[in-house]
Amino acid sequence: MYNLKDLFPKLGKLGKKAPKAMEAFAALDEAAMKDGAIPKKYKELIAVGVALTTQCPYCLEIHRDKAIEAGATEEELAEVTFVSAALRAGAAVTHGTHLIK
């Protein structure tokens, strides 16, 4: 995948140009991803599914690693992949209804 070592210095530079926004984003991310009503493992699997849908390579790498750290298996990651694929395909089909008069 992508080299995260190239990403993190750029995130720091970006954050310095908009520090209040970056601090708010970091706080939101931390709060959203903490254990809560939904356990961290499931939150990370959700994040992987969203990253597959948005096709963010950095998010994929980061959240795959965090999901594994939280106890996710490769079988769970494989299922998340197909759930994401099914939803993307379903979205294409339902948007296709806009083409029909």
PDB file of N, CA and C in Angstrom:
ATOM      1  N   MET A   1       0.838  -1.176   0.000  1.00  0.00           N
ATOM      2  CA  MET A   1       0.000   0.000   0.000  1.00  0.00           C
ATOM      3  C   MET A   1       0.890   1.249   0.000  1.00  0.00           C
ATOM      4  N   TYR A   2       0.359   2.316   0.544  1.00  0.00           N
ATOM      5  CA  TYR A   2       1.079   3.578   0.588  1.00  0.00           C
ATOM      6  C   TYR A   2       2.011   3.612   1.780  1.00  0.00           C
ATOM      7  N   ASN A   3       3.036   4.445   1.698  1.00  0.00           N
ATOM      8  CA  ASN A   3       3.993   4.565   2.771  1.00  0.00           C
ATOM      9  C   ASN A   3       3.497   5.610   3.768  1.00  0.00           C
ATOM     10  N   LEU A   4       3.083   5.139   4.928  1.00  0.00           N
ATOM     11  CA  LEU A   4       2.566   6.059   5.936  1.00  0.00           C
ATOM     12  C   LEU A   4       3.638   7.007   6.444  1.00  0.00           C
ATOM     13  N   LYS A   5       4.895   6.623   6.315  1.00  0.00           N
ATOM     14  CA  LYS A   5       5.978   7.513   6.741  1.00  0.00           C
ATOM     15  C   LYS A   5       5.976   8.806   5.933  1.00  0.00           C
ATOM     16  N   ASP A   6       5.458   8.751   4.713  1.00  0.00           N
ATOM     17  CA  ASP A   6       5.342   9.963   3.894  1.00  0.00           C
ATOM     18  C   ASP A   6       4.132  10.799   4.298  1.00  0.00           C
ATOM     19  N   LEU A   7       3.120  10.146   4.848  1.00  0.00           N
ATOM     20  CA  LEU A   7       1.873  10.824   5.201  1.00  0.00           C
ATOM     21  C   LEU A   7       1.995  11.648   6.465  1.00  0.00           C
ATOM     22  N   PHE A   8       2.539  11.080   7.514  1.00  0.00           N
ATOM     23  CA  PHE A   8       2.484  11.739   8.819  1.00  0.00           C
ATOM     24  C   PHE A   8       3.174  13.092   8.869  1.00  0.00           C
ATOM     25  N   PRO A   9       4.342  13.279   8.237  1.00  0.00           N
ATOM     26  CA  PRO A   9       4.910  14.637   8.233  1.00  0.00           C
ATOM     27  C   PRO A   9       4.002  15.642   7.526  1.00  0.00           C
ATOM     28  N   LYS A  10       3.326  15.201   6.496  1.00  0.00           N
ATOM     29  CA  LYS A  10       2.417  16.099   5.775  1.00  0.00           C
ATOM     30  C   LYS A  10       1.196  16.444   6.626  1.00  0.00           C
ATOM     31  N   LEU A  11       0.731  15.500   7.423  1.00  0.00           N
ATOM     32  CA  LEU A  11      -0.382  15.790   8.328  1.00  0.00           C
ATOM     33  C   LEU A  11       0.019  16.862   9.332  1.00  0.00           C
ATOM     34  N   GLY A  12       1.233  16.763   9.828  1.00  0.00           N
ATOM     35  CA  GLY A  12       1.730  17.771  10.755  1.00  0.00           C
ATOM     36  C   GLY A  12       1.792  19.148  10.119  1.00  0.00           C
ATOM     37  N   LYS A  13       2.270  19.202   8.881  1.00  0.00           N
ATOM     38  CA  LYS A  13       2.336  20.476   8.158  1.00  0.00           C
ATOM     39  C   LYS A  13       0.933  21.033   7.926  1.00  0.00           C
ATOM     40  N   LEU A  14       0.011  20.170   7.546  1.00  0.00           N
ATOM     41  CA  LEU A  14      -1.367  20.583   7.321  1.00  0.00           C
ATOM     42  C   LEU A  14      -1.968  21.130   8.607  1.00  0.00           C
ATOM     43  N   GLY A  15      -1.741  20.422   9.704  1.00  0.00           N
ATOM     44  CA  GLY A  15      -2.271  20.839  10.987  1.00  0.00           C
ATOM     45  C   GLY A  15      -1.738  22.188  11.448  1.00  0.00           C
ATOM     46  N   LYS A  16      -0.488  22.477  11.140  1.00  0.00           N
ATOM     47  CA  LYS A  16       0.096  23.762  11.521  1.00  0.00           C
ATOM     48  C   LYS A  16      -0.541  24.917  10.760  1.00  0.00           C
ATOM     49  N   LYS A  17      -1.063  24.635   9.588  1.00  0.00           N
ATOM     50  CA  LYS A  17      -1.692  25.688   8.775  1.00  0.00           C
ATOM     51  C   LYS A  17      -3.144  25.940   9.198  1.00  0.00           C
ATOM     52  N   ALA A  18      -3.735  24.999   9.918  1.00  0.00           N
ATOM     53  CA  ALA A  18      -5.106  25.151  10.428  1.00  0.00           C
ATOM     54  C   ALA A  18      -5.190  24.444  11.780  1.00  0.00           C
ATOM     55  N   PRO A  19      -4.475  24.960  12.782  1.00  0.00           N
ATOM     56  CA  PRO A  19      -4.338  24.219  14.045  1.00  0.00           C
ATOM     57  C   PRO A  19      -5.651  23.981  14.788  1.00  0.00           C
ATOM     58  N   LYS A  20      -6.542  24.944  14.815  1.00  0.00           N
ATOM     59  CA  LYS A  20      -7.802  24.738  15.539  1.00  0.00           C
ATOM     60  C   LYS A  20      -8.634  23.651  14.881  1.00  0.00           C
ATOM     61  N   ALA A  21      -8.684  23.657  13.566  1.00  0.00           N
ATOM     62  CA  ALA A  21      -9.442  22.638  12.848  1.00  0.00           C
ATOM     63  C   ALA A  21      -8.809  21.253  13.046  1.00  0.00           C
ATOM     64  N   MET A  22      -7.482  21.185  13.014  1.00  0.00           N
ATOM     65  CA  MET A  22      -6.800  19.903  13.190  1.00  0.00           C
ATOM     66  C   MET A  22      -7.012  19.376  14.609  1.00  0.00           C
ATOM     67  N   GLU A  23      -6.958  20.261  15.600  1.00  0.00           N
ATOM     68  CA  GLU A  23      -7.213  19.835  16.984  1.00  0.00           C
ATOM     69  C   GLU A  23      -8.637  19.315  17.129  1.00  0.00           C
ATOM     70  N   ALA A  24      -9.585  19.990  16.512  1.00  0.00           N
ATOM     71  CA  ALA A  24     -10.986  19.559  16.582  1.00  0.00           C
ATOM     72  C   ALA A  24     -11.162  18.212  15.882  1.00  0.00           C
ATOM     73  N   PHE A  25     -10.517  18.044  14.728  1.00  0.00           N
ATOM     74  CA  PHE A  25     -10.599  16.775  14.011  1.00  0.00           C
ATOM     75  C   PHE A  25     -10.011  15.648  14.849  1.00  0.00           C
ATOM     76  N   ALA A  26      -8.846  15.892  15.451  1.00  0.00           N
ATOM     77  CA  ALA A  26      -8.193  14.861  16.267  1.00  0.00           C
ATOM     78  C   ALA A  26      -9.074  14.484  17.461  1.00  0.00           C
ATOM     79  N   ALA A  27      -9.719  15.473  18.080  1.00  0.00           N
ATOM     80  CA  ALA A  27     -10.599  15.201  19.216  1.00  0.00           C
ATOM     81  C   ALA A  27     -11.817  14.390  18.778  1.00  0.00           C
ATOM     82  N   LEU A  28     -12.393  14.747  17.636  1.00  0.00           N
ATOM     83  CA  LEU A  28     -13.538  13.992  17.112  1.00  0.00           C
ATOM     84  C   LEU A  28     -13.138  12.554  16.814  1.00  0.00           C
ATOM     85  N   ASP A  29     -12.014  12.376  16.141  1.00  0.00           N
ATOM     86  CA  ASP A  29     -11.546  11.043  15.787  1.00  0.00           C
ATOM     87  C   ASP A  29     -11.322  10.199  17.043  1.00  0.00           C
ATOM     88  N   GLU A  30     -10.679  10.793  18.035  1.00  0.00           N
ATOM     89  CA  GLU A  30     -10.414  10.063  19.278  1.00  0.00           C
ATOM     90  C   GLU A  30     -11.713   9.664  19.971  1.00  0.00           C
ATOM     91  N   ALA A  31     -12.647  10.589  20.064  1.00  0.00           N
ATOM     92  CA  ALA A  31     -13.918  10.299  20.730  1.00  0.00           C
ATOM     93  C   ALA A  31     -14.723   9.257  19.963  1.00  0.00           C
ATOM     94  N   ALA A  32     -14.749   9.369  18.658  1.00  0.00           N
ATOM     95  CA  ALA A  32     -15.549   8.447  17.845  1.00  0.00           C
ATOM     96  C   ALA A  32     -15.007   7.029  17.879  1.00  0.00           C
ATOM     97  N   MET A  33     -13.700   6.877  17.985  1.00  0.00           N
ATOM     98  CA  MET A  33     -13.097   5.550  17.867  1.00  0.00           C
ATOM     99  C   MET A  33     -12.859   4.857  19.206  1.00  0.00           C
ATOM    100  N   LYS A  34     -13.171   5.517  20.317  1.00  0.00           N
ATOM    101  CA  LYS A  34     -13.013   4.883  21.634  1.00  0.00           C
ATOM    102  C   LYS A  34     -14.037   3.780  21.818  1.00  0.00           C
ATOM    103  N   ASP A  35     -13.689   2.829  22.699  1.00  0.00           N
ATOM    104  CA  ASP A  35     -14.657   1.827  23.119  1.00  0.00           C
ATOM    105  C   ASP A  35     -15.882   2.534  23.667  1.00  0.00           C
ATOM    106  N   GLY A  36     -17.037   2.043  23.328  1.00  0.00           N
ATOM    107  CA  GLY A  36     -18.278   2.620  23.825  1.00  0.00           C
ATOM    108  C   GLY A  36     -19.370   1.587  23.695  1.00  0.00           C
ATOM    109  N   ALA A  37     -20.564   2.022  23.306  1.00  0.00           N
ATOM    110  CA  ALA A  37     -21.658   1.089  23.070  1.00  0.00           C
ATOM    111  C   ALA A  37     -21.251   0.090  21.972  1.00  0.00           C
ATOM    112  N   ILE A  38     -20.442   0.573  21.046  1.00  0.00           N
ATOM    113  CA  ILE A  38     -19.862  -0.293  20.009  1.00  0.00           C
ATOM    114  C   ILE A  38     -18.401  -0.523  20.394  1.00  0.00           C
ATOM    115  N   PRO A  39     -17.979  -1.774  20.545  1.00  0.00           N
ATOM    116  CA  PRO A  39     -16.588  -2.044  20.905  1.00  0.00           C
ATOM    117  C   PRO A  39     -15.613  -1.546  19.827  1.00  0.00           C
ATOM    118  N   LYS A  40     -14.398  -1.213  20.249  1.00  0.00           N
ATOM    119  CA  LYS A  40     -13.375  -0.670  19.353  1.00  0.00           C
ATOM    120  C   LYS A  40     -13.142  -1.564  18.126  1.00  0.00           C
ATOM    121  N   LYS A  41     -13.122  -2.873  18.330  1.00  0.00           N
ATOM    122  CA  LYS A  41     -12.902  -3.791  17.205  1.00  0.00           C
ATOM    123  C   LYS A  41     -13.940  -3.558  16.106  1.00  0.00           C
ATOM    124  N   TYR A  42     -15.190  -3.422  16.502  1.00  0.00           N
ATOM    125  CA  TYR A  42     -16.247  -3.228  15.513  1.00  0.00           C
ATOM    126  C   TYR A  42     -16.168  -1.841  14.887  1.00  0.00           C
ATOM    127  N   LYS A  43     -15.783  -0.857  15.675  1.00  0.00           N
ATOM    128  CA  LYS A  43     -15.608   0.489  15.112  1.00  0.00           C
ATOM    129  C   LYS A  43     -14.508   0.483  14.054  1.00  0.00           C
ATOM    130  N   GLU A  44     -13.435  -0.249  14.330  1.00  0.00           N
ATOM    131  CA  GLU A  44     -12.344  -0.318  13.349  1.00  0.00           C
ATOM    132  C   GLU A  44     -12.773  -1.091  12.100  1.00  0.00           C
ATOM    133  N   LEU A  45     -13.578  -2.134  12.275  1.00  0.00           N
ATOM    134  CA  LEU A  45     -14.092  -2.851  11.098  1.00  0.00           C
ATOM    135  C   LEU A  45     -15.028  -1.954  10.288  1.00  0.00           C
ATOM    136  N   ILE A  46     -15.840  -1.154  10.969  1.00  0.00           N
ATOM    137  CA  ILE A  46     -16.687  -0.183  10.266  1.00  0.00           C
ATOM    138  C   ILE A  46     -15.802   0.792   9.498  1.00  0.00           C
ATOM    139  N   ALA A  47     -14.745   1.267  10.154  1.00  0.00           N
ATOM    140  CA  ALA A  47     -13.834   2.222   9.505  1.00  0.00           C
ATOM    141  C   ALA A  47     -13.193   1.609   8.260  1.00  0.00           C
ATOM    142  N   VAL A  48     -12.842   0.332   8.334  1.00  0.00           N
ATOM    143  CA  VAL A  48     -12.280  -0.346   7.153  1.00  0.00           C
ATOM    144  C   VAL A  48     -13.320  -0.379   6.041  1.00  0.00           C
ATOM    145  N   GLY A  49     -14.564  -0.710   6.380  1.00  0.00           N
ATOM    146  CA  GLY A  49     -15.628  -0.745   5.373  1.00  0.00           C
ATOM    147  C   GLY A  49     -15.843   0.609   4.726  1.00  0.00           C
ATOM    148  N   VAL A  50     -15.833   1.658   5.530  1.00  0.00           N
ATOM    149  CA  VAL A  50     -15.988   3.013   4.980  1.00  0.00           C
ATOM    150  C   VAL A  50     -14.792   3.357   4.108  1.00  0.00           C
ATOM    151  N   ALA A  51     -13.598   3.022   4.568  1.00  0.00           N
ATOM    152  CA  ALA A  51     -12.387   3.316   3.787  1.00  0.00           C
ATOM    153  C   ALA A  51     -12.387   2.569   2.451  1.00  0.00           C
ATOM    154  N   LEU A  52     -12.915   1.351   2.454  1.00  0.00           N
ATOM    155  CA  LEU A  52     -13.037   0.620   1.186  1.00  0.00           C
ATOM    156  C   LEU A  52     -13.996   1.331   0.246  1.00  0.00           C
ATOM    157  N   THR A  53     -15.062   1.874   0.805  1.00  0.00           N
ATOM    158  CA  THR A  53     -16.057   2.575  -0.002  1.00  0.00           C
ATOM    159  C   THR A  53     -15.530   3.913  -0.510  1.00  0.00           C
ATOM    160  N   THR A  54     -14.831   4.662   0.357  1.00  0.00           N
ATOM    161  CA  THR A  54     -14.284   5.957  -0.060  1.00  0.00           C
ATOM    162  C   THR A  54     -12.972   5.798  -0.811  1.00  0.00           C
ATOM    163  N   GLN A  55     -12.403   4.600  -0.737  1.00  0.00           N
ATOM    164  CA  GLN A  55     -11.155   4.249  -1.413  1.00  0.00           C
ATOM    165  C   GLN A  55      -9.981   5.116  -0.949  1.00  0.00           C
ATOM    166  N   CYS A  56      -9.904   5.299   0.365  1.00  0.00           N
ATOM    167  CA  CYS A  56      -8.811   6.056   0.975  1.00  0.00           C
ATOM    168  C   CYS A  56      -7.696   5.085   1.363  1.00  0.00           C
ATOM    169  N   PRO A  57      -6.580   5.079   0.638  1.00  0.00           N
ATOM    170  CA  PRO A  57      -5.524   4.106   0.936  1.00  0.00           C
ATOM    171  C   PRO A  57      -4.903   4.294   2.313  1.00  0.00           C
ATOM    172  N   TYR A  58      -4.790   5.523   2.760  1.00  0.00           N
ATOM    173  CA  TYR A  58      -4.218   5.768   4.077  1.00  0.00           C
ATOM    174  C   TYR A  58      -5.154   5.235   5.163  1.00  0.00           C
ATOM    175  N   CYS A  59      -6.444   5.530   5.032  1.00  0.00           N
ATOM    176  CA  CYS A  59      -7.424   5.042   6.009  1.00  0.00           C
ATOM    177  C   CYS A  59      -7.445   3.516   6.026  1.00  0.00           C
ATOM    178  N   LEU A  60      -7.345   2.905   4.850  1.00  0.00           N
ATOM    179  CA  LEU A  60      -7.330   1.447   4.782  1.00  0.00           C
ATOM    180  C   LEU A  60      -6.172   0.877   5.590  1.00  0.00           C
ATOM    181  N   GLU A  61      -5.009   1.434   5.390  1.00  0.00           N
ATOM    182  CA  GLU A  61      -3.825   0.912   6.075  1.00  0.00           C
ATOM    183  C   GLU A  61      -3.914   1.155   7.579  1.00  0.00           C
ATOM    184  N   ILE A  62      -4.274   2.369   7.960  1.00  0.00           N
ATOM    185  CA  ILE A  62      -4.348   2.716   9.377  1.00  0.00           C
ATOM    186  C   ILE A  62      -5.398   1.871  10.091  1.00  0.00           C
ATOM    187  N   HIS A  63      -6.608   1.800   9.520  1.00  0.00           N
ATOM    188  CA  HIS A  63      -7.695   1.113  10.217  1.00  0.00           C
ATOM    189  C   HIS A  63      -7.588  -0.398  10.120  1.00  0.00           C
ATOM    190  N   ARG A  64      -6.957  -0.921   9.081  1.00  0.00           N
ATOM    191  CA  ARG A  64      -6.680  -2.367   9.038  1.00  0.00           C
ATOM    192  C   ARG A  64      -5.783  -2.729  10.211  1.00  0.00           C
ATOM    193  N   ASP A  65      -4.701  -1.967  10.390  1.00  0.00           N
ATOM    194  CA  ASP A  65      -3.777  -2.256  11.486  1.00  0.00           C
ATOM    195  C   ASP A  65      -4.466  -2.123  12.845  1.00  0.00           C
ATOM    196  N   LYS A  66      -5.273  -1.075  13.007  1.00  0.00           N
ATOM    197  CA  LYS A  66      -5.964  -0.875  14.285  1.00  0.00           C
ATOM    198  C   LYS A  66      -7.016  -1.960  14.516  1.00  0.00           C
ATOM    199  N   ALA A  67      -7.677  -2.416  13.454  1.00  0.00           N
ATOM    200  CA  ALA A  67      -8.653  -3.502  13.593  1.00  0.00           C
ATOM    201  C   ALA A  67      -7.966  -4.777  14.054  1.00  0.00           C
ATOM    202  N   ILE A  68      -6.829  -5.080  13.464  1.00  0.00           N
ATOM    203  CA  ILE A  68      -6.078  -6.281  13.853  1.00  0.00           C
ATOM    204  C   ILE A  68      -5.608  -6.156  15.301  1.00  0.00           C
ATOM    205  N   GLU A  69      -5.104  -4.973  15.671  1.00  0.00           N
ATOM    206  CA  GLU A  69      -4.691  -4.741  17.063  1.00  0.00           C
ATOM    207  C   GLU A  69      -5.860  -4.931  18.026  1.00  0.00           C
ATOM    208  N   ALA A  70      -7.066  -4.604  17.577  1.00  0.00           N
ATOM    209  CA  ALA A  70      -8.261  -4.736  18.425  1.00  0.00           C
ATOM    210  C   ALA A  70      -8.835  -6.150  18.393  1.00  0.00           C
ATOM    211  N   GLY A  71      -8.184  -7.051  17.647  1.00  0.00           N
ATOM    212  CA  GLY A  71      -8.604  -8.452  17.651  1.00  0.00           C
ATOM    213  C   GLY A  71      -9.309  -8.938  16.403  1.00  0.00           C
ATOM    214  N   ALA A  72      -9.425  -8.102  15.380  1.00  0.00           N
ATOM    215  CA  ALA A  72     -10.083  -8.536  14.138  1.00  0.00           C
ATOM    216  C   ALA A  72      -9.227  -9.586  13.428  1.00  0.00           C
ATOM    217  N   THR A  73      -9.909 -10.508  12.779  1.00  0.00           N
ATOM    218  CA  THR A  73      -9.227 -11.563  12.022  1.00  0.00           C
ATOM    219  C   THR A  73      -9.241 -11.212  10.535  1.00  0.00           C
ATOM    220  N   GLU A  74      -8.414 -11.917   9.783  1.00  0.00           N
ATOM    221  CA  GLU A  74      -8.423 -11.719   8.331  1.00  0.00           C
ATOM    222  C   GLU A  74      -9.756 -12.145   7.731  1.00  0.00           C
ATOM    223  N   GLU A  75     -10.417 -13.131   8.343  1.00  0.00           N
ATOM    224  CA  GLU A  75     -11.736 -13.547   7.865  1.00  0.00           C
ATOM    225  C   GLU A  75     -12.748 -12.412   8.043  1.00  0.00           C
ATOM    226  N   GLU A  76     -12.664 -11.699   9.159  1.00  0.00           N
ATOM    227  CA  GLU A  76     -13.556 -10.554   9.369  1.00  0.00           C
ATOM    228  C   GLU A  76     -13.252  -9.444   8.374  1.00  0.00           C
ATOM    229  N   LEU A  77     -11.974  -9.204   8.114  1.00  0.00           N
ATOM    230  CA  LEU A  77     -11.604  -8.182   7.126  1.00  0.00           C
ATOM    231  C   LEU A  77     -12.102  -8.578   5.734  1.00  0.00           C
ATOM    232  N   ALA A  78     -12.050  -9.864   5.421  1.00  0.00           N
ATOM    233  CA  ALA A  78     -12.553 -10.334   4.129  1.00  0.00           C
ATOM    234  C   ALA A  78     -14.063 -10.104   4.035  1.00  0.00           C
ATOM    235  N   GLU A  79     -14.801 -10.405   5.107  1.00  0.00           N
ATOM    236  CA  GLU A  79     -16.242 -10.192   5.085  1.00  0.00           C
ATOM    237  C   GLU A  79     -16.578  -8.710   4.959  1.00  0.00           C
ATOM    238  N   VAL A  80     -15.836  -7.861   5.663  1.00  0.00           N
ATOM    239  CA  VAL A  80     -16.040  -6.412   5.546  1.00  0.00           C
ATOM    240  C   VAL A  80     -15.849  -5.980   4.093  1.00  0.00           C
ATOM    241  N   THR A  81     -14.872  -6.560   3.427  1.00  0.00           N
ATOM    242  CA  THR A  81     -14.616  -6.223   2.022  1.00  0.00           C
ATOM    243  C   THR A  81     -15.855  -6.506   1.177  1.00  0.00           C
ATOM    244  N   PHE A  82     -16.473  -7.661   1.389  1.00  0.00           N
ATOM    245  CA  PHE A  82     -17.623  -8.014   0.566  1.00  0.00           C
ATOM    246  C   PHE A  82     -18.893  -7.269   0.971  1.00  0.00           C
ATOM    247  N   VAL A  83     -19.019  -6.914   2.241  1.00  0.00           N
ATOM    248  CA  VAL A  83     -20.143  -6.062   2.648  1.00  0.00           C
ATOM    249  C   VAL A  83     -20.017  -4.718   1.939  1.00  0.00           C
ATOM    250  N   SER A  84     -18.804  -4.153   1.935  1.00  0.00           N
ATOM    251  CA  SER A  84     -18.571  -2.869   1.261  1.00  0.00           C
ATOM    252  C   SER A  84     -18.839  -2.969  -0.235  1.00  0.00           C
ATOM    253  N   ALA A  85     -18.392  -4.056  -0.842  1.00  0.00           N
ATOM    254  CA  ALA A  85     -18.620  -4.253  -2.276  1.00  0.00           C
ATOM    255  C   ALA A  85     -20.110  -4.353  -2.581  1.00  0.00           C
ATOM    256  N   ALA A  86     -20.848  -5.079  -1.737  1.00  0.00           N
ATOM    257  CA  ALA A  86     -22.287  -5.227  -1.955  1.00  0.00           C
ATOM    258  C   ALA A  86     -22.991  -3.879  -1.840  1.00  0.00           C
ATOM    259  N   LEU A  87     -22.604  -3.073  -0.866  1.00  0.00           N
ATOM    260  CA  LEU A  87     -23.242  -1.767  -0.695  1.00  0.00           C
ATOM    261  C   LEU A  87     -22.923  -0.833  -1.856  1.00  0.00           C
ATOM    262  N   ARG A  88     -21.686  -0.870  -2.333  1.00  0.00           N
ATOM    263  CA  ARG A  88     -21.338  -0.031  -3.486  1.00  0.00           C
ATOM    264  C   ARG A  88     -22.125  -0.469  -4.712  1.00  0.00           C
ATOM    265  N   ALA A  89     -22.246  -1.775  -4.904  1.00  0.00           N
ATOM    266  CA  ALA A  89     -23.005  -2.274  -6.049  1.00  0.00           C
ATOM    267  C   ALA A  89     -24.477  -1.905  -5.900  1.00  0.00           C
ATOM    268  N   GLY A  90     -25.005  -2.050  -4.694  1.00  0.00           N
ATOM    269  CA  GLY A  90     -26.394  -1.685  -4.446  1.00  0.00           C
ATOM    270  C   GLY A  90     -26.657  -0.218  -4.715  1.00  0.00           C
ATOM    271  N   ALA A  91     -25.693   0.634  -4.354  1.00  0.00           N
ATOM    272  CA  ALA A  91     -25.838   2.070  -4.606  1.00  0.00           C
ATOM    273  C   ALA A  91     -25.883   2.348  -6.106  1.00  0.00           C
ATOM    274  N   ALA A  92     -25.056   1.643  -6.868  1.00  0.00           N
ATOM    275  CA  ALA A  92     -25.077   1.831  -8.322  1.00  0.00           C
ATOM    276  C   ALA A  92     -26.432   1.430  -8.896  1.00  0.00           C
ATOM    277  N   VAL A  93     -26.966   0.320  -8.419  1.00  0.00           N
ATOM    278  CA  VAL A  93     -28.262  -0.150  -8.912  1.00  0.00           C
ATOM    279  C   VAL A  93     -29.369   0.841  -8.547  1.00  0.00           C
ATOM    280  N   THR A  94     -29.402   1.284  -7.288  1.00  0.00           N
ATOM    281  CA  THR A  94     -30.473   2.197  -6.902  1.00  0.00           C
ATOM    282  C   THR A  94     -30.324   3.556  -7.586  1.00  0.00           C
ATOM    283  N   HIS A  95     -29.106   4.007  -7.801  1.00  0.00           N
ATOM    284  CA  HIS A  95     -28.925   5.253  -8.547  1.00  0.00           C
ATOM    285  C   HIS A  95     -29.319   5.073 -10.012  1.00  0.00           C
ATOM    286  N   GLY A  96     -29.209   3.843 -10.485  1.00  0.00           N
ATOM    287  CA  GLY A  96     -29.645   3.552 -11.853  1.00  0.00           C
ATOM    288  C   GLY A  96     -31.134   3.811 -12.054  1.00  0.00           C
ATOM    289  N   THR A  97     -31.908   3.767 -10.983  1.00  0.00           N
ATOM    290  CA  THR A  97     -33.338   4.051 -11.118  1.00  0.00           C
ATOM    291  C   THR A  97     -33.581   5.501 -11.555  1.00  0.00           C
ATOM    292  N   HIS A  98     -32.634   6.373 -11.326  1.00  0.00           N
ATOM    293  CA  HIS A  98     -32.767   7.762 -11.766  1.00  0.00           C
ATOM    294  C   HIS A  98     -32.648   7.890 -13.289  1.00  0.00           C
ATOM    295  N   LEU A  99     -32.161   6.847 -13.928  1.00  0.00           N
ATOM    296  CA  LEU A  99     -32.016   6.862 -15.381  1.00  0.00           C
ATOM    297  C   LEU A  99     -33.274   6.421 -16.092  1.00  0.00           C
ATOM    298  N   ILE A 100     -34.203   5.845 -15.364  1.00  0.00           N
ATOM    299  CA  ILE A 100     -35.420   5.280 -15.944  1.00  0.00           C
ATOM    300  C   ILE A 100     -36.568   6.270 -15.778  1.00  0.00           C
ATOM    301  N   LYS A 101     -37.255   6.536 -16.889  1.00  0.00           N
ATOM    302  CA  LYS A 101     -38.414   7.447 -16.850  1.00  0.00           C
ATOM    303  C   LYS A 101     -39.663   6.700 -16.473  1.00  0.00           C
TER     304      LYS A 101
END
